[in-house]
């Protein structure tokens, strides 16, 4: 009887976690769909990788990590993780959402080929409660607001078949660093 009760508790916890996780993805999609320029990419892209929350921090040497889902033509087709290491002048921590749109099947295939990496980036980012901006690793830039309710994006387009947008969720980080993002993909 204890085992059955324990099994039921574990299953309900797993279902609750999955539902909460699904809610995080749904909310992140809604933010990007209502955040200026990023909204138009949903209809014209082959697919996208969505990270509801990426955590980043650093003191001299920094790092970031996030888990996400990959979608092709509107369907969830796999899961992905992002890791980033940066070196340079940096102090603080932040959380943000990120989406990477794939212009066509070639860009999607390149991202999902296993281990994908965006090259080194040079950024100068100062996040405050009101605004932040920075260069992304794909060469597209995105400006973001302090919160999901008034998120905006600007000035982005495809670069080598991909376009990246970020929306700040919180934190404060001063940064002038160099690093790159590495992604791992696991199909469903």
Protein backbone atom coordinates (compact mmCIF):
# COMPACT_ATOMS: atom_id res chain seq x y z
CA UNK A 1 0.00 0.00 0.00
CA UNK A 2 2.84 2.42 0.82
CA UNK A 3 4.46 1.76 -2.54
CA UNK A 4 1.22 2.45 -4.39
CA UNK A 5 0.74 5.68 -2.44
CA UNK A 6 4.36 6.70 -3.06
CA UNK A 7 4.00 5.90 -6.77
CA UNK A 8 0.80 8.00 -6.99
CA UNK A 9 2.52 10.92 -5.25
CA UNK A 10 5.49 10.70 -7.63
CA UNK A 11 3.25 10.56 -10.69
CA UNK A 12 1.18 13.55 -9.57
CA UNK A 13 4.34 15.52 -8.83
CA UNK A 14 5.70 14.65 -12.28
CA UNK A 15 2.43 15.70 -13.92
CA UNK A 16 2.38 18.96 -11.96
CA UNK A 17 5.99 19.67 -12.93
CA UNK A 18 5.26 18.90 -16.58
CA UNK A 19 2.23 21.21 -16.52
CA UNK A 20 4.22 24.00 -14.83
CA UNK A 21 6.98 23.45 -17.37
CA UNK A 22 4.47 23.62 -20.24
CA UNK A 23 3.12 26.86 -18.74
CA UNK A 24 6.62 28.39 -18.75
CA UNK A 25 6.98 27.63 -22.47
CA UNK A 26 3.49 28.93 -23.27
CA UNK A 27 4.18 32.17 -21.37
CA UNK A 28 7.57 32.64 -23.09
CA UNK A 29 5.98 32.11 -26.52
CA UNK A 30 3.31 34.66 -25.67
CA UNK A 31 5.95 37.20 -24.60
CA UNK A 32 7.87 36.82 -27.87
CA UNK A 33 4.67 36.87 -29.94
CA UNK A 34 3.72 40.22 -28.42
CA UNK A 35 7.24 41.70 -28.32
CA UNK A 36 7.50 43.79 -31.47
CA UNK A 37 9.60 42.41 -34.30
CA UNK A 38 10.01 38.90 -32.93
CA UNK A 39 6.29 38.28 -33.44
CA UNK A 40 6.60 38.29 -37.24
CA UNK A 41 9.18 35.49 -37.18
CA UNK A 42 6.70 32.89 -35.90
CA UNK A 43 4.82 32.86 -39.21
CA UNK A 44 7.79 32.99 -41.57
CA UNK A 45 10.31 30.68 -39.85
CA UNK A 46 10.77 26.96 -40.38
CA UNK A 47 11.11 26.52 -36.61
CA UNK A 48 12.68 27.83 -33.43
CA UNK A 49 14.48 26.93 -30.21
CA UNK A 50 12.89 28.44 -27.09
CA UNK A 51 14.53 28.89 -23.68
CA UNK A 52 12.00 30.20 -21.12
CA UNK A 53 14.75 30.97 -18.59
CA UNK A 54 18.50 31.19 -18.95
CA UNK A 55 20.49 32.05 -15.84
CA UNK A 56 23.75 33.96 -16.23
CA UNK A 57 26.31 35.20 -13.74
CA UNK A 58 29.91 36.20 -13.47
CA UNK A 59 32.76 37.88 -11.67
CA UNK A 60 35.58 38.12 -14.21
CA UNK A 61 34.72 34.68 -15.54
CA UNK A 62 31.07 34.02 -16.21
CA UNK A 63 28.72 31.33 -17.28
CA UNK A 64 25.15 30.79 -18.38
CA UNK A 65 22.89 27.76 -18.69
CA UNK A 66 19.37 27.08 -19.85
CA UNK A 67 17.16 24.25 -21.04
CA UNK A 68 14.74 24.61 -23.90
CA UNK A 69 12.61 23.01 -26.56
CA UNK A 70 13.03 22.89 -30.32
CA UNK A 71 10.01 23.32 -32.59
CA UNK A 72 9.71 22.60 -36.32
CA UNK A 73 6.67 23.85 -38.20
CA UNK A 74 4.81 24.40 -34.92
CA UNK A 75 5.54 20.97 -33.37
CA UNK A 76 7.80 20.20 -30.41
CA UNK A 77 10.42 17.88 -31.96
CA UNK A 78 13.23 17.84 -29.39
CA UNK A 79 14.92 19.34 -26.37
CA UNK A 80 18.04 21.47 -26.16
CA UNK A 81 20.44 22.88 -23.61
CA UNK A 82 22.58 25.99 -23.84
CA UNK A 83 25.86 26.58 -22.04
CA UNK A 84 27.96 29.68 -22.26
CA UNK A 85 31.34 30.66 -20.83
CA UNK A 86 32.53 34.26 -20.93
CA UNK A 87 35.78 35.96 -19.96
CA UNK A 88 36.24 39.66 -19.39
CA UNK A 89 34.97 42.50 -17.27
CA UNK A 90 31.69 41.30 -15.79
CA UNK A 91 29.89 41.42 -12.49
CA UNK A 92 26.42 40.33 -11.48
CA UNK A 93 23.71 37.93 -12.49
CA UNK A 94 20.64 37.92 -14.67
CA UNK A 95 17.84 35.76 -15.97
CA UNK A 96 16.43 36.08 -19.47
CA UNK A 97 14.36 34.26 -22.06
CA UNK A 98 15.83 33.52 -25.47
CA UNK A 99 14.42 32.37 -28.78
CA UNK A 100 16.35 31.39 -31.91
CA UNK A 101 14.37 31.32 -35.15
CA UNK A 102 15.45 29.09 -38.05
CA UNK A 103 14.79 30.66 -41.43
CA UNK A 104 14.67 27.35 -43.31
CA UNK A 105 15.25 23.60 -43.01
CA UNK A 106 18.99 24.04 -43.64
CA UNK A 107 19.36 26.30 -40.58
CA UNK A 108 17.17 23.94 -38.52
CA UNK A 109 19.29 20.94 -39.60
CA UNK A 110 22.49 22.80 -38.73
CA UNK A 111 21.21 23.56 -35.22
CA UNK A 112 19.87 20.04 -34.61
CA UNK A 113 22.90 18.22 -36.01
CA UNK A 114 24.12 17.42 -32.49
CA UNK A 115 26.41 19.95 -30.89
CA UNK A 116 25.93 23.41 -32.36
CA UNK A 117 27.95 26.44 -31.35
CA UNK A 118 27.61 30.16 -31.92
CA UNK A 119 31.06 31.73 -32.22
CA UNK A 120 32.60 34.20 -29.83
CA UNK A 121 30.66 37.36 -29.22
CA UNK A 122 31.71 40.79 -28.10
CA UNK A 123 29.09 42.53 -26.00
CA UNK A 124 28.78 45.54 -23.78
CA UNK A 125 25.60 44.99 -21.79
CA UNK A 126 24.34 46.99 -18.79
CA UNK A 127 21.02 45.62 -17.58
CA UNK A 128 18.76 47.81 -15.48
CA UNK A 129 15.14 47.52 -14.50
CA UNK A 130 14.18 49.73 -17.44
CA UNK A 131 16.12 48.46 -20.45
CA UNK A 132 18.98 46.46 -21.85
CA UNK A 133 20.47 45.78 -25.23
CA UNK A 134 23.25 43.70 -26.68
CA UNK A 135 24.67 41.87 -29.61
CA UNK A 136 23.69 38.25 -29.88
CA UNK A 137 25.98 35.49 -30.98
CA UNK A 138 24.21 35.16 -34.33
CA UNK A 139 24.93 38.70 -35.38
CA UNK A 140 21.37 39.91 -34.90
CA UNK A 141 20.69 42.41 -32.17
CA UNK A 142 17.71 42.68 -29.90
CA UNK A 143 16.65 45.33 -27.44
CA UNK A 144 14.58 44.24 -24.48
CA UNK A 145 12.58 45.83 -21.72
CA UNK A 146 12.62 45.25 -18.01
CA UNK A 147 9.68 42.85 -17.91
CA UNK A 148 7.58 40.43 -19.87
CA UNK A 149 4.51 42.69 -19.88
CA UNK A 150 6.26 45.46 -21.79
CA UNK A 151 8.87 43.51 -23.72
CA UNK A 152 9.95 44.88 -27.06
CA UNK A 153 12.43 43.79 -29.68
CA UNK A 154 13.99 45.76 -32.48
CA UNK A 155 16.39 45.67 -35.39
CA UNK A 156 16.76 41.95 -35.88
CA UNK A 157 16.89 39.87 -39.00
CA UNK A 158 18.26 36.54 -40.09
CA UNK A 159 22.01 36.09 -40.04
CA UNK A 160 23.23 32.85 -41.59
CA UNK A 161 19.67 31.54 -41.40
CA UNK A 162 19.07 32.32 -37.71
CA UNK A 163 17.63 35.24 -35.73
CA UNK A 164 17.93 35.54 -31.96
CA UNK A 165 15.85 37.57 -29.52
CA UNK A 166 16.15 37.92 -25.74
CA UNK A 167 13.83 39.33 -23.10
CA UNK A 168 15.15 40.27 -19.66
CA UNK A 169 13.46 38.61 -16.72
CA UNK A 170 15.48 40.12 -13.89
CA UNK A 171 18.85 40.76 -12.37
CA UNK A 172 21.66 43.20 -12.85
CA UNK A 173 24.81 42.50 -14.81
CA UNK A 174 27.56 44.75 -16.10
CA UNK A 175 29.52 43.11 -18.85
CA UNK A 176 32.20 43.67 -21.46
CA UNK A 177 33.21 40.12 -22.26
CA UNK A 178 33.94 37.59 -24.96
CA UNK A 179 32.35 34.15 -25.09
CA UNK A 180 30.22 31.81 -27.10
CA UNK A 181 27.09 29.72 -26.71
CA UNK A 182 27.12 25.96 -27.18
CA UNK A 183 23.90 24.02 -27.73
CA UNK A 184 23.13 20.31 -27.46
CA UNK A 185 20.06 18.84 -29.13
CA UNK A 186 18.17 15.67 -28.26
CA UNK A 187 15.28 14.62 -30.52
CA UNK A 188 12.06 13.32 -28.94
